[in-house]
C-alpha atoms as a PDB file:
ATOM      1  CA  UNK A   1      20.877 -38.090  45.711  1.00  0.00           C
ATOM      2  CA  UNK A   2      17.970 -37.127  43.676  1.00  0.00           C
ATOM      3  CA  UNK A   3      18.538 -39.978  41.281  1.00  0.00           C
ATOM      4  CA  UNK A   4      19.037 -42.276  44.291  1.00  0.00           C
ATOM      5  CA  UNK A   5      15.972 -41.115  46.213  1.00  0.00           C
ATOM      6  CA  UNK A   6      13.676 -41.432  42.961  1.00  0.00           C
ATOM      7  CA  UNK A   7      14.954 -44.593  42.086  1.00  0.00           C
ATOM      8  CA  UNK A   8      14.396 -46.383  45.421  1.00  0.00           C
ATOM      9  CA  UNK A   9      10.851 -44.539  45.784  1.00  0.00           C
ATOM     10  CA  UNK A  10       9.876 -46.244  42.335  1.00  0.00           C
ATOM     11  CA  UNK A  11      11.439 -49.737  43.441  1.00  0.00           C
ATOM     12  CA  UNK A  12       9.486 -49.565  46.750  1.00  0.00           C
ATOM     13  CA  UNK A  13       6.273 -48.878  44.743  1.00  0.00           C
ATOM     14  CA  UNK A  14       6.858 -51.512  42.281  1.00  0.00           C
ATOM     15  CA  UNK A  15       7.524 -54.061  45.106  1.00  0.00           C
ATOM     16  CA  UNK A  16       4.253 -52.889  46.740  1.00  0.00           C
ATOM     17  CA  UNK A  17       2.546 -53.691  43.486  1.00  0.00           C
ATOM     18  CA  UNK A  18       3.840 -57.068  43.084  1.00  0.00           C
ATOM     19  CA  UNK A  19       3.179 -58.122  46.596  1.00  0.00           C
ATOM     20  CA  UNK A  20       0.932 -55.553  48.445  1.00  0.00           C
ATOM     21  CA  UNK A  21       0.780 -57.625  51.586  1.00  0.00           C
ATOM     22  CA  UNK A  22       1.833 -55.907  54.886  1.00  0.00           C
ATOM     23  CA  UNK A  23       4.765 -57.542  56.399  1.00  0.00           C
ATOM     24  CA  UNK A  24       4.459 -57.973  60.108  1.00  0.00           C
ATOM     25  CA  UNK A  25       7.655 -58.718  61.936  1.00  0.00           C
ATOM     26  CA  UNK A  26       7.771 -60.981  65.228  1.00  0.00           C
ATOM     27  CA  UNK A  27       9.258 -58.505  67.573  1.00  0.00           C
ATOM     28  CA  UNK A  28      11.386 -55.164  67.691  1.00  0.00           C
ATOM     29  CA  UNK A  29      14.642 -56.860  67.435  1.00  0.00           C
ATOM     30  CA  UNK A  30      13.708 -58.336  63.868  1.00  0.00           C
ATOM     31  CA  UNK A  31      12.512 -54.922  62.961  1.00  0.00           C
ATOM     32  CA  UNK A  32      16.004 -53.360  64.125  1.00  0.00           C
ATOM     33  CA  UNK A  33      17.613 -55.699  61.669  1.00  0.00           C
ATOM     34  CA  UNK A  34      15.393 -54.243  58.851  1.00  0.00           C
ATOM     35  CA  UNK A  35      16.415 -50.686  60.112  1.00  0.00           C
ATOM     36  CA  UNK A  36      20.137 -51.523  59.999  1.00  0.00           C
ATOM     37  CA  UNK A  37      19.850 -53.343  56.636  1.00  0.00           C
ATOM     38  CA  UNK A  38      17.800 -50.172  55.250  1.00  0.00           C
ATOM     39  CA  UNK A  39      20.778 -47.714  56.646  1.00  0.00           C
ATOM     40  CA  UNK A  40      23.540 -49.792  55.297  1.00  0.00           C
ATOM     41  CA  UNK A  41      22.518 -51.195  51.956  1.00  0.00           C
ATOM     42  CA  UNK A  42      20.348 -48.584  50.680  1.00  0.00           C
ATOM     43  CA  UNK A  43      21.364 -45.054  52.182  1.00  0.00           C
ATOM     44  CA  UNK A  44      25.208 -45.351  53.409  1.00  0.00           C
ATOM     45  CA  UNK A  45      26.298 -47.467  50.807  1.00  0.00           C
ATOM     46  CA  UNK A  46      25.195 -45.352  47.893  1.00  0.00           C
ATOM     47  CA  UNK A  47      26.056 -42.306  49.665  1.00  0.00           C
ATOM     48  CA  UNK A  48      29.634 -43.145  50.428  1.00  0.00           C
ATOM     49  CA  UNK A  49      30.140 -44.777  47.004  1.00  0.00           C
ATOM     50  CA  UNK A  50      28.804 -41.369  45.173  1.00  0.00           C
ATOM     51  CA  UNK A  51      30.872 -39.240  47.383  1.00  0.00           C
ATOM     52  CA  UNK A  52      33.689 -41.121  46.570  1.00  0.00           C
ATOM     53  CA  UNK A  53      33.599 -40.652  42.917  1.00  0.00           C
ATOM     54  CA  UNK A  54      33.735 -36.976  43.511  1.00  0.00           C
ATOM     55  CA  UNK A  55      37.257 -37.393  44.875  1.00  0.00           C
ATOM     56  CA  UNK A  56      38.663 -40.196  43.100  1.00  0.00           C
ATOM     57  CA  UNK A  57      38.816 -42.132  39.737  1.00  0.00           C
ATOM     58  CA  UNK A  58      35.654 -44.282  38.913  1.00  0.00           C
ATOM     59  CA  UNK A  59      38.416 -46.961  38.242  1.00  0.00           C
ATOM     60  CA  UNK A  60      39.688 -46.776  41.741  1.00  0.00           C
ATOM     61  CA  UNK A  61      36.219 -47.043  42.948  1.00  0.00           C
ATOM     62  CA  UNK A  62      35.357 -50.123  40.783  1.00  0.00           C
ATOM     63  CA  UNK A  63      38.424 -52.028  42.140  1.00  0.00           C
ATOM     64  CA  UNK A  64      37.766 -51.093  45.800  1.00  0.00           C
ATOM     65  CA  UNK A  65      34.152 -51.988  45.812  1.00  0.00           C
ATOM     66  CA  UNK A  66      35.118 -55.564  44.612  1.00  0.00           C
ATOM     67  CA  UNK A  67      37.003 -56.041  48.073  1.00  0.00           C
ATOM     68  CA  UNK A  68      33.510 -56.328  49.428  1.00  0.00           C
ATOM     69  CA  UNK A  69      33.457 -60.246  49.334  1.00  0.00           C
ATOM     70  CA  UNK A  70      36.847 -60.091  51.483  1.00  0.00           C
ATOM     71  CA  UNK A  71      35.098 -58.161  54.265  1.00  0.00           C
ATOM     72  CA  UNK A  72      31.829 -60.304  53.903  1.00  0.00           C
ATOM     73  CA  UNK A  73      33.846 -63.328  54.579  1.00  0.00           C
ATOM     74  CA  UNK A  74      35.511 -61.770  57.744  1.00  0.00           C
ATOM     75  CA  UNK A  75      32.345 -60.668  59.201  1.00  0.00           C
ATOM     76  CA  UNK A  76      30.604 -63.871  58.454  1.00  0.00           C
ATOM     77  CA  UNK A  77      33.242 -65.541  60.257  1.00  0.00           C
ATOM     78  CA  UNK A  78      33.083 -63.393  63.195  1.00  0.00           C
ATOM     79  CA  UNK A  79      29.317 -62.812  63.661  1.00  0.00           C
ATOM     80  CA  UNK A  80      27.910 -65.916  61.732  1.00  0.00           C
ATOM     81  CA  UNK A  81      29.273 -69.302  62.752  1.00  0.00           C
ATOM     82  CA  UNK A  82      26.766 -71.057  60.477  1.00  0.00           C
ATOM     83  CA  UNK A  83      28.421 -69.745  57.496  1.00  0.00           C
ATOM     84  CA  UNK A  84      31.168 -71.556  55.646  1.00  0.00           C
ATOM     85  CA  UNK A  85      34.448 -71.458  57.268  1.00  0.00           C
ATOM     86  CA  UNK A  86      37.301 -69.294  55.879  1.00  0.00           C
ATOM     87  CA  UNK A  87      39.358 -71.494  53.504  1.00  0.00           C
ATOM     88  CA  UNK A  88      42.616 -70.873  51.883  1.00  0.00           C
ATOM     89  CA  UNK A  89      40.911 -71.383  48.364  1.00  0.00           C
ATOM     90  CA  UNK A  90      38.904 -68.249  49.201  1.00  0.00           C
ATOM     91  CA  UNK A  91      41.732 -65.833  49.902  1.00  0.00           C
ATOM     92  CA  UNK A  92      43.736 -67.456  46.809  1.00  0.00           C
ATOM     93  CA  UNK A  93      40.606 -66.949  44.591  1.00  0.00           C
ATOM     94  CA  UNK A  94      40.199 -63.249  46.000  1.00  0.00           C
ATOM     95  CA  UNK A  95      43.724 -62.297  45.115  1.00  0.00           C
ATOM     96  CA  UNK A  96      43.551 -63.813  41.639  1.00  0.00           C
ATOM     97  CA  UNK A  97      40.250 -62.174  41.087  1.00  0.00           C
ATOM     98  CA  UNK A  98      41.336 -58.767  42.289  1.00  0.00           C
ATOM     99  CA  UNK A  99      44.425 -58.952  39.906  1.00  0.00           C
ATOM    100  CA  UNK A 100      41.945 -59.597  36.981  1.00  0.00           C
ATOM    101  CA  UNK A 101      39.787 -56.558  38.190  1.00  0.00           C
ATOM    102  CA  UNK A 102      42.666 -54.206  38.608  1.00  0.00           C
ATOM    103  CA  UNK A 103      43.514 -55.086  34.898  1.00  0.00           C
ATOM    104  CA  UNK A 104      40.077 -54.481  33.702  1.00  0.00           C
ATOM    105  CA  UNK A 105      39.665 -51.271  35.700  1.00  0.00           C
ATOM    106  CA  UNK A 106      42.774 -49.645  34.605  1.00  0.00           C
ATOM    107  CA  UNK A 107      43.403 -51.067  31.391  1.00  0.00           C
ATOM    108  CA  UNK A 108      46.360 -48.938  30.315  1.00  0.00           C
ATOM    109  CA  UNK A 109      45.279 -45.822  32.348  1.00  0.00           C
ATOM    110  CA  UNK A 110      47.374 -44.228  34.846  1.00  0.00           C
ATOM    111  CA  UNK A 111      46.907 -45.329  38.542  1.00  0.00           C
ATOM    112  CA  UNK A 112      46.201 -42.243  40.831  1.00  0.00           C
ATOM    113  CA  UNK A 113      45.728 -42.693  44.491  1.00  0.00           C
ATOM    114  CA  UNK A 114      43.273 -40.187  46.115  1.00  0.00           C
ATOM    115  CA  UNK A 115      43.177 -40.923  49.648  1.00  0.00           C
ATOM    116  CA  UNK A 116      39.817 -39.220  50.579  1.00  0.00           C
ATOM    117  CA  UNK A 117      37.941 -40.914  47.745  1.00  0.00           C
ATOM    118  CA  UNK A 118      39.576 -44.265  47.940  1.00  0.00           C
ATOM    119  CA  UNK A 119      39.104 -44.563  51.858  1.00  0.00           C
ATOM    120  CA  UNK A 120      35.523 -43.630  51.258  1.00  0.00           C
ATOM    121  CA  UNK A 121      35.142 -46.432  48.475  1.00  0.00           C
ATOM    122  CA  UNK A 122      36.712 -49.017  51.235  1.00  0.00           C
ATOM    123  CA  UNK A 123      33.965 -47.762  53.671  1.00  0.00           C
ATOM    124  CA  UNK A 124      31.339 -48.451  51.042  1.00  0.00           C
ATOM    125  CA  UNK A 125      32.769 -51.961  50.556  1.00  0.00           C
ATOM    126  CA  UNK A 126      32.815 -52.546  54.015  1.00  0.00           C
ATOM    127  CA  UNK A 127      29.039 -51.086  54.440  1.00  0.00           C
ATOM    128  CA  UNK A 128      28.062 -53.550  51.775  1.00  0.00           C
ATOM    129  CA  UNK A 129      29.520 -56.419  53.495  1.00  0.00           C
ATOM    130  CA  UNK A 130      27.432 -55.360  56.481  1.00  0.00           C
ATOM    131  CA  UNK A 131      24.451 -55.117  54.474  1.00  0.00           C
ATOM    132  CA  UNK A 132      25.124 -58.807  53.029  1.00  0.00           C
ATOM    133  CA  UNK A 133      25.291 -59.993  56.821  1.00  0.00           C
ATOM    134  CA  UNK A 134      22.245 -58.387  57.879  1.00  0.00           C
ATOM    135  CA  UNK A 135      20.442 -59.901  54.727  1.00  0.00           C
ATOM    136  CA  UNK A 136      21.548 -63.445  55.610  1.00  0.00           C
ATOM    137  CA  UNK A 137      20.109 -62.760  59.152  1.00  0.00           C
ATOM    138  CA  UNK A 138      16.769 -61.393  57.624  1.00  0.00           C
ATOM    139  CA  UNK A 139      16.551 -64.362  55.568  1.00  0.00           C
ATOM    140  CA  UNK A 140      16.411 -66.623  58.518  1.00  0.00           C
ATOM    141  CA  UNK A 141      13.184 -64.805  59.569  1.00  0.00           C
ATOM    142  CA  UNK A 142      11.489 -66.810  56.986  1.00  0.00           C
ATOM    143  CA  UNK A 143       9.572 -63.925  55.409  1.00  0.00           C
ATOM    144  CA  UNK A 144       8.963 -63.818  51.606  1.00  0.00           C
ATOM    145  CA  UNK A 145      11.960 -62.039  49.862  1.00  0.00           C
ATOM    146  CA  UNK A 146       9.793 -59.296  48.293  1.00  0.00           C
ATOM    147  CA  UNK A 147       8.513 -58.153  51.370  1.00  0.00           C
ATOM    148  CA  UNK A 148      11.632 -58.360  53.194  1.00  0.00           C
ATOM    149  CA  UNK A 149      13.329 -56.086  50.443  1.00  0.00           C
ATOM    150  CA  UNK A 150      10.438 -53.652  50.372  1.00  0.00           C
ATOM    151  CA  UNK A 151      10.712 -53.183  54.169  1.00  0.00           C
ATOM    152  CA  UNK A 152      14.425 -52.727  53.855  1.00  0.00           C
ATOM    153  CA  UNK A 153      13.561 -49.998  51.027  1.00  0.00           C
ATOM    154  CA  UNK A 154      11.497 -48.274  53.420  1.00  0.00           C
ATOM    155  CA  UNK A 155      13.899 -47.785  56.024  1.00  0.00           C
ATOM    156  CA  UNK A 156      16.593 -46.874  53.448  1.00  0.00           C
ATOM    157  CA  UNK A 157      14.424 -44.145  52.110  1.00  0.00           C
ATOM    158  CA  UNK A 158      13.659 -42.675  55.530  1.00  0.00           C
ATOM    159  CA  UNK A 159      17.423 -42.266  56.404  1.00  0.00           C
ATOM    160  CA  UNK A 160      17.977 -40.978  52.770  1.00  0.00           C
ATOM    161  CA  UNK A 161      15.395 -37.932  53.447  1.00  0.00           C
ATOM    162  CA  UNK A 162      17.641 -35.990  55.917  1.00  0.00           C
ATOM    163  CA  UNK A 163      20.698 -36.127  53.264  1.00  0.00           C
ATOM    164  CA  UNK A 164      18.605 -34.612  50.725  1.00  0.00           C
ATOM    165  CA  UNK A 165      18.793 -31.192  52.294  1.00  0.00           C
ATOM    166  CA  UNK A 166      22.609 -31.087  52.043  1.00  0.00           C
ATOM    167  CA  UNK A 167      22.763 -31.977  48.187  1.00  0.00           C
ATOM    168  CA  UNK A 168      20.220 -29.459  46.714  1.00  0.00           C
ATOM    169  CA  UNK A 169      17.580 -31.760  46.208  1.00  0.00           C
ATOM    170  CA  UNK A 170      14.915 -30.506  43.872  1.00  0.00           C
ATOM    171  CA  UNK A 171      11.568 -32.503  43.631  1.00  0.00           C
ATOM    172  CA  UNK A 172      10.967 -31.317  40.200  1.00  0.00           C
ATOM    173  CA  UNK A 173       9.113 -34.208  38.297  1.00  0.00           C
ATOM    174  CA  UNK A 174       8.600 -32.219  35.028  1.00  0.00           C
ATOM    175  CA  UNK A 175      12.157 -33.266  34.038  1.00  0.00           C
ATOM    176  CA  UNK A 176      10.775 -36.844  33.308  1.00  0.00           C
ATOM    177  CA  UNK A 177       8.747 -35.585  30.586  1.00  0.00           C
ATOM    178  CA  UNK A 178      11.966 -35.890  28.759  1.00  0.00           C
ATOM    179  CA  UNK A 179      11.737 -39.728  27.370  1.00  0.00           C
ATOM    180  CA  UNK A 180      15.461 -40.348  27.894  1.00  0.00           C
ATOM    181  CA  UNK A 181      15.521 -39.283  31.566  1.00  0.00           C
ATOM    182  CA  UNK A 182      12.076 -41.287  32.113  1.00  0.00           C
ATOM    183  CA  UNK A 183      13.449 -44.695  30.576  1.00  0.00           C
ATOM    184  CA  UNK A 184      16.922 -43.981  32.392  1.00  0.00           C
ATOM    185  CA  UNK A 185      15.031 -43.661  35.817  1.00  0.00           C
ATOM    186  CA  UNK A 186      12.621 -46.439  34.945  1.00  0.00           C
ATOM    187  CA  UNK A 187      15.716 -48.919  34.474  1.00  0.00           C
ATOM    188  CA  UNK A 188      17.283 -47.756  37.594  1.00  0.00           C
ATOM    189  CA  UNK A 189      14.047 -48.235  39.507  1.00  0.00           C
ATOM    190  CA  UNK A 190      12.751 -51.438  38.188  1.00  0.00           C
ATOM    191  CA  UNK A 191      15.754 -53.168  37.138  1.00  0.00           C
ATOM    192  CA  UNK A 192      18.844 -51.965  39.168  1.00  0.00           C
ATOM    193  CA  UNK A 193      16.634 -51.325  42.491  1.00  0.00           C
ATOM    194  CA  UNK A 194      13.692 -53.671  42.567  1.00  0.00           C
ATOM    195  CA  UNK A 195      14.643 -56.686  40.561  1.00  0.00           C
ATOM    196  CA  UNK A 196      18.502 -56.437  41.582  1.00  0.00           C
ATOM    197  CA  UNK A 197      17.842 -56.182  45.014  1.00  0.00           C
ATOM    198  CA  UNK A 198      15.222 -58.849  45.355  1.00  0.00           C
ATOM    199  CA  UNK A 199      17.393 -61.335  43.152  1.00  0.00           C
ATOM    200  CA  UNK A 200      20.413 -60.414  45.472  1.00  0.00           C
ATOM    201  CA  UNK A 201      18.468 -61.107  48.638  1.00  0.00           C
ATOM    202  CA  UNK A 202      17.121 -64.412  47.198  1.00  0.00           C
ATOM    203  CA  UNK A 203      20.663 -65.517  46.393  1.00  0.00           C
ATOM    204  CA  UNK A 204      21.973 -64.599  49.923  1.00  0.00           C
ATOM    205  CA  UNK A 205      18.915 -66.602  51.366  1.00  0.00           C
ATOM    206  CA  UNK A 206      19.850 -69.531  49.328  1.00  0.00           C
ATOM    207  CA  UNK A 207      23.647 -69.543  49.015  1.00  0.00           C
ATOM    208  CA  UNK A 208      24.585 -67.452  52.227  1.00  0.00           C
ATOM    209  CA  UNK A 209      26.305 -64.030  52.221  1.00  0.00           C
ATOM    210  CA  UNK A 210      29.695 -65.084  51.444  1.00  0.00           C
ATOM    211  CA  UNK A 211      28.954 -67.495  48.475  1.00  0.00           C
ATOM    212  CA  UNK A 212      26.743 -64.726  46.927  1.00  0.00           C
ATOM    213  CA  UNK A 213      29.119 -61.907  47.523  1.00  0.00           C
ATOM    214  CA  UNK A 214      32.085 -63.548  45.458  1.00  0.00           C
ATOM    215  CA  UNK A 215      29.952 -63.192  42.397  1.00  0.00           C
ATOM    216  CA  UNK A 216      30.544 -59.326  42.692  1.00  0.00           C
ATOM    217  CA  UNK A 217      33.984 -60.385  40.982  1.00  0.00           C
ATOM    218  CA  UNK A 218      31.812 -60.951  37.941  1.00  0.00           C
ATOM    219  CA  UNK A 219      30.636 -57.193  37.524  1.00  0.00           C
ATOM    220  CA  UNK A 220      33.788 -55.910  35.744  1.00  0.00           C
ATOM    221  CA  UNK A 221      34.084 -58.950  33.535  1.00  0.00           C
ATOM    222  CA  UNK A 222      30.481 -58.654  32.477  1.00  0.00           C
ATOM    223  CA  UNK A 223      30.944 -55.114  31.498  1.00  0.00           C
ATOM    224  CA  UNK A 224      33.890 -55.979  29.297  1.00  0.00           C
ATOM    225  CA  UNK A 225      31.785 -58.533  27.580  1.00  0.00           C
ATOM    226  CA  UNK A 226      28.839 -56.382  27.363  1.00  0.00           C
ATOM    227  CA  UNK A 227      30.632 -53.337  25.948  1.00  0.00           C
ATOM    228  CA  UNK A 228      32.149 -55.455  23.378  1.00  0.00           C
ATOM    229  CA  UNK A 229      28.863 -56.982  22.108  1.00  0.00           C
ATOM    230  CA  UNK A 230      26.662 -53.801  22.662  1.00  0.00           C
ATOM    231  CA  UNK A 231      28.894 -50.826  22.328  1.00  0.00           C
ATOM    232  CA  UNK A 232      31.494 -52.458  19.852  1.00  0.00           C
ATOM    233  CA  UNK A 233      34.222 -51.543  21.840  1.00  0.00           C
ATOM    234  CA  UNK A 234      37.736 -53.228  21.219  1.00  0.00           C
ATOM    235  CA  UNK A 235      38.710 -56.166  23.446  1.00  0.00           C
ATOM    236  CA  UNK A 236      42.440 -55.100  24.574  1.00  0.00           C
ATOM    237  CA  UNK A 237      44.881 -57.642  25.937  1.00  0.00           C
ATOM    238  CA  UNK A 238      44.727 -56.235  29.382  1.00  0.00           C
ATOM    239  CA  UNK A 239      40.819 -56.594  29.542  1.00  0.00           C
ATOM    240  CA  UNK A 240      40.843 -59.944  28.186  1.00  0.00           C
ATOM    241  CA  UNK A 241      43.390 -61.266  30.641  1.00  0.00           C
ATOM    242  CA  UNK A 242      41.614 -59.599  33.518  1.00  0.00           C
ATOM    243  CA  UNK A 243      38.484 -61.324  32.519  1.00  0.00           C
ATOM    244  CA  UNK A 244      40.020 -64.677  32.400  1.00  0.00           C
ATOM    245  CA  UNK A 245      41.735 -63.998  35.885  1.00  0.00           C
ATOM    246  CA  UNK A 246      38.488 -62.894  37.414  1.00  0.00           C
ATOM    247  CA  UNK A 247      36.611 -66.160  36.327  1.00  0.00           C
ATOM    248  CA  UNK A 248      39.575 -68.304  37.520  1.00  0.00           C
ATOM    249  CA  UNK A 249      39.419 -66.218  40.895  1.00  0.00           C
ATOM    250  CA  UNK A 250      35.442 -66.952  41.213  1.00  0.00           C
ATOM    251  CA  UNK A 251      35.970 -70.658  40.258  1.00  0.00           C
ATOM    252  CA  UNK A 252      38.743 -70.876  43.000  1.00  0.00           C
ATOM    253  CA  UNK A 253      36.603 -69.395  45.514  1.00  0.00           C
ATOM    254  CA  UNK A 254      33.660 -71.474  44.824  1.00  0.00           C
ATOM    255  CA  UNK A 255      35.352 -74.880  43.871  1.00  0.00           C
ATOM    256  CA  UNK A 256      35.904 -76.640  47.297  1.00  0.00           C
ATOM    257  CA  UNK A 257      32.307 -75.673  48.285  1.00  0.00           C
ATOM    258  CA  UNK A 258      30.811 -77.081  45.118  1.00  0.00           C
ATOM    259  CA  UNK A 259      32.926 -80.488  45.690  1.00  0.00           C
ATOM    260  CA  UNK A 260      31.741 -80.597  49.118  1.00  0.00           C
ATOM    261  CA  UNK A 261      28.066 -80.160  48.178  1.00  0.00           C
ATOM    262  CA  UNK A 262      28.301 -83.017  45.416  1.00  0.00           C
ATOM    263  CA  UNK A 263      29.959 -85.352  48.075  1.00  0.00           C
ATOM    264  CA  UNK A 264      27.231 -84.622  50.592  1.00  0.00           C
ATOM    265  CA  UNK A 265      24.580 -85.218  47.937  1.00  0.00           C
ATOM    266  CA  UNK A 266      26.182 -88.597  46.917  1.00  0.00           C
ATOM    267  CA  UNK A 267      26.433 -89.589  50.658  1.00  0.00           C
ATOM    268  CA  UNK A 268      22.649 -88.979  51.088  1.00  0.00           C
END
């Protein structure tokens, strides 16, 4: 929780420096959407995921979190009629991608179920789906993405503050005199928080919540490729097969939408 708090404080400050203009929402209803997005995407998602990791294996959490696109599609179908309708190809792609992600995540290790941790991970995936839907709603307000993301960070940090008292938070900034700690937190604050959330929110604005969410399937595959190129880890048969299945699943989930877009373009 200390790391989460520091990284999002840093992310908020970076976004403020990039775009210092104050965001003025049209009414309290829009403000409540930002409040809900901060609660879901910044506070609850990371809180649930981190607690889940103390009860269950990281491989379990990695697989379960990848279910988020499925939840996003269901919520979009229920609450956002403007989103693309559910298609058979989406579900086929989902199951193919999940098969690949399972192969990558376990890769020869033993499957161990831990109900408490696994259920918390499921809850985290559902919360992230809620955040994606809320972000889609926020994008319809027409505000700059950087300002919208900064407002979401603000509410997320506010909700995070009460939880700090339950996790032994110590505001000891002297620890960042260690260059390793400093550069790690800079990466998390500038890269994984400010940059990634802005680009994610921009993608949701341009592509929609469902289409953006399916790219979560790529996270394990990119991890495999990166570990081979940078850490020089050996590419196993299971990991290679899983990566191929993940890419096929992503392609199947997106294929019809791309064809439809091309057809519409030709018609116009």
